[in-house]
PDB file of N, CA and C in Angstrom:
ATOM      1  N   MET A   1      32.345  -3.071  -2.065  1.00  0.00           N
ATOM      2  CA  MET A   1      31.705  -1.804  -1.787  1.00  0.00           C
ATOM      3  C   MET A   1      30.438  -2.061  -0.999  1.00  0.00           C
ATOM      4  N   LYS A   2      30.209  -1.266  -0.028  1.00  0.00           N
ATOM      5  CA  LYS A   2      29.025  -1.419   0.798  1.00  0.00           C
ATOM      6  C   LYS A   2      28.195  -0.148   0.754  1.00  0.00           C
ATOM      7  N   SER A   3      26.891  -0.331   0.826  1.00  0.00           N
ATOM      8  CA  SER A   3      25.986   0.804   0.874  1.00  0.00           C
ATOM      9  C   SER A   3      25.690   1.156   2.330  1.00  0.00           C
ATOM     10  N   ILE A   4      25.189   2.354   2.532  1.00  0.00           N
ATOM     11  CA  ILE A   4      24.800   2.808   3.871  1.00  0.00           C
ATOM     12  C   ILE A   4      23.299   2.594   4.006  1.00  0.00           C
ATOM     13  N   LYS A   5      22.909   1.747   4.953  1.00  0.00           N
ATOM     14  CA  LYS A   5      21.504   1.423   5.169  1.00  0.00           C
ATOM     15  C   LYS A   5      20.823   2.582   5.883  1.00  0.00           C
ATOM     16  N   LEU A   6      19.770   3.127   5.278  1.00  0.00           N
ATOM     17  CA  LEU A   6      19.033   4.236   5.868  1.00  0.00           C
ATOM     18  C   LEU A   6      17.791   3.774   6.622  1.00  0.00           C
ATOM     19  N   LEU A   7      17.103   2.748   6.088  1.00  0.00           N
ATOM     20  CA  LEU A   7      15.866   2.268   6.701  1.00  0.00           C
ATOM     21  C   LEU A   7      15.642   0.824   6.279  1.00  0.00           C
ATOM     22  N   ARG A   8      15.161   0.016   7.223  1.00  0.00           N
ATOM     23  CA  ARG A   8      14.810  -1.369   6.902  1.00  0.00           C
ATOM     24  C   ARG A   8      13.509  -1.725   7.605  1.00  0.00           C
ATOM     25  N   LEU A   9      12.536  -2.172   6.814  1.00  0.00           N
ATOM     26  CA  LEU A   9      11.240  -2.591   7.332  1.00  0.00           C
ATOM     27  C   LEU A   9      10.864  -3.915   6.673  1.00  0.00           C
ATOM     28  N   GLY A  10      11.100  -5.008   7.358  1.00  0.00           N
ATOM     29  CA  GLY A  10      10.774  -6.330   6.809  1.00  0.00           C
ATOM     30  C   GLY A  10      11.568  -6.635   5.561  1.00  0.00           C
ATOM     31  N   ARG A  11      10.860  -6.784   4.442  1.00  0.00           N
ATOM     32  CA  ARG A  11      11.516  -7.114   3.175  1.00  0.00           C
ATOM     33  C   ARG A  11      11.925  -5.873   2.393  1.00  0.00           C
ATOM     34  N   PHE A  12      11.702  -4.681   2.925  1.00  0.00           N
ATOM     35  CA  PHE A  12      11.934  -3.417   2.243  1.00  0.00           C
ATOM     36  C   PHE A  12      13.143  -2.713   2.857  1.00  0.00           C
ATOM     37  N   LYS A  13      14.044  -2.215   2.012  1.00  0.00           N
ATOM     38  CA  LYS A  13      15.234  -1.520   2.509  1.00  0.00           C
ATOM     39  C   LYS A  13      15.515  -0.301   1.644  1.00  0.00           C
ATOM     40  N   ILE A  14      15.884   0.809   2.287  1.00  0.00           N
ATOM     41  CA  ILE A  14      16.334   2.007   1.594  1.00  0.00           C
ATOM     42  C   ILE A  14      17.790   2.217   1.974  1.00  0.00           C
ATOM     43  N   SER A  15      18.609   2.453   0.967  1.00  0.00           N
ATOM     44  CA  SER A  15      20.031   2.636   1.242  1.00  0.00           C
ATOM     45  C   SER A  15      20.625   3.695   0.324  1.00  0.00           C
ATOM     46  N   PHE A  16      21.782   4.210   0.743  1.00  0.00           N
ATOM     47  CA  PHE A  16      22.556   5.158  -0.036  1.00  0.00           C
ATOM     48  C   PHE A  16      23.797   4.433  -0.529  1.00  0.00           C
ATOM     49  N   ALA A  17      23.991   4.428  -1.836  1.00  0.00           N
ATOM     50  CA  ALA A  17      25.151   3.768  -2.431  1.00  0.00           C
ATOM     51  C   ALA A  17      25.799   4.747  -3.410  1.00  0.00           C
ATOM     52  N   TRP A  18      26.912   5.296  -3.039  1.00  0.00           N
ATOM     53  CA  TRP A  18      27.565   6.327  -3.850  1.00  0.00           C
ATOM     54  C   TRP A  18      27.979   5.808  -5.225  1.00  0.00           C
ATOM     55  N   TYR A  19      28.124   4.501  -5.378  1.00  0.00           N
ATOM     56  CA  TYR A  19      28.580   3.912  -6.630  1.00  0.00           C
ATOM     57  C   TYR A  19      27.428   3.560  -7.574  1.00  0.00           C
ATOM     58  N   ASP A  20      26.174   3.651  -7.126  1.00  0.00           N
ATOM     59  CA  ASP A  20      25.012   3.354  -7.970  1.00  0.00           C
ATOM     60  C   ASP A  20      24.564   4.628  -8.674  1.00  0.00           C
ATOM     61  N   LEU A  21      25.062   4.836  -9.871  1.00  0.00           N
ATOM     62  CA  LEU A  21      24.749   6.047 -10.627  1.00  0.00           C
ATOM     63  C   LEU A  21      23.844   5.711 -11.813  1.00  0.00           C
ATOM     64  N   TRP A  22      22.696   5.134 -11.520  1.00  0.00           N
ATOM     65  CA  TRP A  22      21.744   4.774 -12.549  1.00  0.00           C
ATOM     66  C   TRP A  22      20.338   5.106 -12.084  1.00  0.00           C
ATOM     67  N   ILE A  23      19.401   5.132 -13.029  1.00  0.00           N
ATOM     68  CA  ILE A  23      17.990   5.376 -12.736  1.00  0.00           C
ATOM     69  C   ILE A  23      17.196   4.262 -13.408  1.00  0.00           C
ATOM     70  N   GLY A  24      16.289   3.661 -12.653  1.00  0.00           N
ATOM     71  CA  GLY A  24      15.464   2.592 -13.218  1.00  0.00           C
ATOM     72  C   GLY A  24      15.229   1.490 -12.215  1.00  0.00           C
ATOM     73  N   PHE A  25      14.941   0.296 -12.722  1.00  0.00           N
ATOM     74  CA  PHE A  25      14.722  -0.845 -11.840  1.00  0.00           C
ATOM     75  C   PHE A  25      15.382  -2.078 -12.434  1.00  0.00           C
ATOM     76  N   TYR A  26      15.679  -3.030 -11.571  1.00  0.00           N
ATOM     77  CA  TYR A  26      16.337  -4.270 -11.973  1.00  0.00           C
ATOM     78  C   TYR A  26      15.779  -5.404 -11.121  1.00  0.00           C
ATOM     79  N   ILE A  27      15.435  -6.508 -11.751  1.00  0.00           N
ATOM     80  CA  ILE A  27      14.947  -7.690 -11.042  1.00  0.00           C
ATOM     81  C   ILE A  27      16.035  -8.756 -11.091  1.00  0.00           C
ATOM     82  N   ASP A  28      16.512  -9.147  -9.924  1.00  0.00           N
ATOM     83  CA  ASP A  28      17.495 -10.225  -9.816  1.00  0.00           C
ATOM     84  C   ASP A  28      16.706 -11.513  -9.590  1.00  0.00           C
ATOM     85  N   SER A  29      16.515 -12.278 -10.653  1.00  0.00           N
ATOM     86  CA  SER A  29      15.666 -13.475 -10.564  1.00  0.00           C
ATOM     87  C   SER A  29      16.331 -14.602  -9.776  1.00  0.00           C
ATOM     88  N   ASP A  30      17.647 -14.632  -9.707  1.00  0.00           N
ATOM     89  CA  ASP A  30      18.329 -15.671  -8.925  1.00  0.00           C
ATOM     90  C   ASP A  30      18.106 -15.471  -7.434  1.00  0.00           C
ATOM     91  N   GLU A  31      18.162 -14.226  -6.979  1.00  0.00           N
ATOM     92  CA  GLU A  31      18.008 -13.912  -5.550  1.00  0.00           C
ATOM     93  C   GLU A  31      16.582 -13.469  -5.204  1.00  0.00           C
ATOM     94  N   ASN A  32      15.707 -13.290  -6.202  1.00  0.00           N
ATOM     95  CA  ASN A  32      14.335 -12.802  -6.009  1.00  0.00           C
ATOM     96  C   ASN A  32      14.308 -11.452  -5.304  1.00  0.00           C
ATOM     97  N   ILE A  33      15.066 -10.501  -5.846  1.00  0.00           N
ATOM     98  CA  ILE A  33      15.150  -9.161  -5.284  1.00  0.00           C
ATOM     99  C   ILE A  33      14.849  -8.149  -6.382  1.00  0.00           C
ATOM    100  N   LEU A  34      14.043  -7.136  -6.048  1.00  0.00           N
ATOM    101  CA  LEU A  34      13.752  -6.028  -6.948  1.00  0.00           C
ATOM    102  C   LEU A  34      14.523  -4.811  -6.461  1.00  0.00           C
ATOM    103  N   TYR A  35      15.331  -4.232  -7.336  1.00  0.00           N
ATOM    104  CA  TYR A  35      16.091  -3.026  -7.030  1.00  0.00           C
ATOM    105  C   TYR A  35      15.461  -1.866  -7.787  1.00  0.00           C
ATOM    106  N   ILE A  36      15.153  -0.777  -7.080  1.00  0.00           N
ATOM    107  CA  ILE A  36      14.589   0.414  -7.698  1.00  0.00           C
ATOM    108  C   ILE A  36      15.485   1.593  -7.333  1.00  0.00           C
ATOM    109  N   CYS A  37      15.903   2.335  -8.351  1.00  0.00           N
ATOM    110  CA  CYS A  37      16.778   3.484  -8.131  1.00  0.00           C
ATOM    111  C   CYS A  37      16.117   4.716  -8.768  1.00  0.00           C
ATOM    112  N   PRO A  38      15.289   5.468  -8.000  1.00  0.00           N
ATOM    113  CA  PRO A  38      14.568   6.604  -8.579  1.00  0.00           C
ATOM    114  C   PRO A  38      15.473   7.796  -8.893  1.00  0.00           C
ATOM    115  N   ILE A  39      16.502   7.978  -8.096  1.00  0.00           N
ATOM    116  CA  ILE A  39      17.518   8.998  -8.361  1.00  0.00           C
ATOM    117  C   ILE A  39      18.880   8.357  -8.093  1.00  0.00           C
ATOM    118  N   PRO A  40      19.913   8.809  -8.772  1.00  0.00           N
ATOM    119  CA  PRO A  40      21.227   8.196  -8.554  1.00  0.00           C
ATOM    120  C   PRO A  40      21.626   8.192  -7.082  1.00  0.00           C
ATOM    121  N   THR A  41      22.198   7.118  -6.636  1.00  0.00           N
ATOM    122  CA  THR A  41      22.714   6.840  -5.288  1.00  0.00           C
ATOM    123  C   THR A  41      21.641   6.479  -4.257  1.00  0.00           C
ATOM    124  N   LEU A  42      20.357   6.622  -4.542  1.00  0.00           N
ATOM    125  CA  LEU A  42      19.295   6.241  -3.607  1.00  0.00           C
ATOM    126  C   LEU A  42      18.676   4.939  -4.099  1.00  0.00           C
ATOM    127  N   LEU A  43      18.792   3.887  -3.305  1.00  0.00           N
ATOM    128  CA  LEU A  43      18.395   2.553  -3.748  1.00  0.00           C
ATOM    129  C   LEU A  43      17.328   1.970  -2.833  1.00  0.00           C
ATOM    130  N   PHE A  44      16.221   1.520  -3.433  1.00  0.00           N
ATOM    131  CA  PHE A  44      15.164   0.811  -2.745  1.00  0.00           C
ATOM    132  C   PHE A  44      15.298  -0.659  -3.108  1.00  0.00           C
ATOM    133  N   THR A  45      15.315  -1.537  -2.112  1.00  0.00           N
ATOM    134  CA  THR A  45      15.466  -2.965  -2.330  1.00  0.00           C
ATOM    135  C   THR A  45      14.267  -3.685  -1.711  1.00  0.00           C
ATOM    136  N   ILE A  46      13.637  -4.563  -2.497  1.00  0.00           N
ATOM    137  CA  ILE A  46      12.483  -5.324  -2.022  1.00  0.00           C
ATOM    138  C   ILE A  46      12.736  -6.796  -2.307  1.00  0.00           C
ATOM    139  N   LYS A  47      12.712  -7.616  -1.253  1.00  0.00           N
ATOM    140  CA  LYS A  47      12.842  -9.065  -1.437  1.00  0.00           C
ATOM    141  C   LYS A  47      11.475  -9.623  -1.798  1.00  0.00           C
ATOM    142  N   LEU A  48      11.419 -10.299  -2.925  1.00  0.00           N
ATOM    143  CA  LEU A  48      10.129 -10.819  -3.421  1.00  0.00           C
ATOM    144  C   LEU A  48       9.814 -12.176  -2.849  1.00  0.00           C
TER     145      LEU A  48
END
């Protein structure tokens, strides 16, 4: 499944993912990525 990239600025990305139906944040320590989902399907990704 792939998300639709809406905006990318350096280490920051905003995308639409119809399959992400959660609210909150998740830190992927293996990849050093912070995922923030303020509303379902809208995903903010920050590479740490």
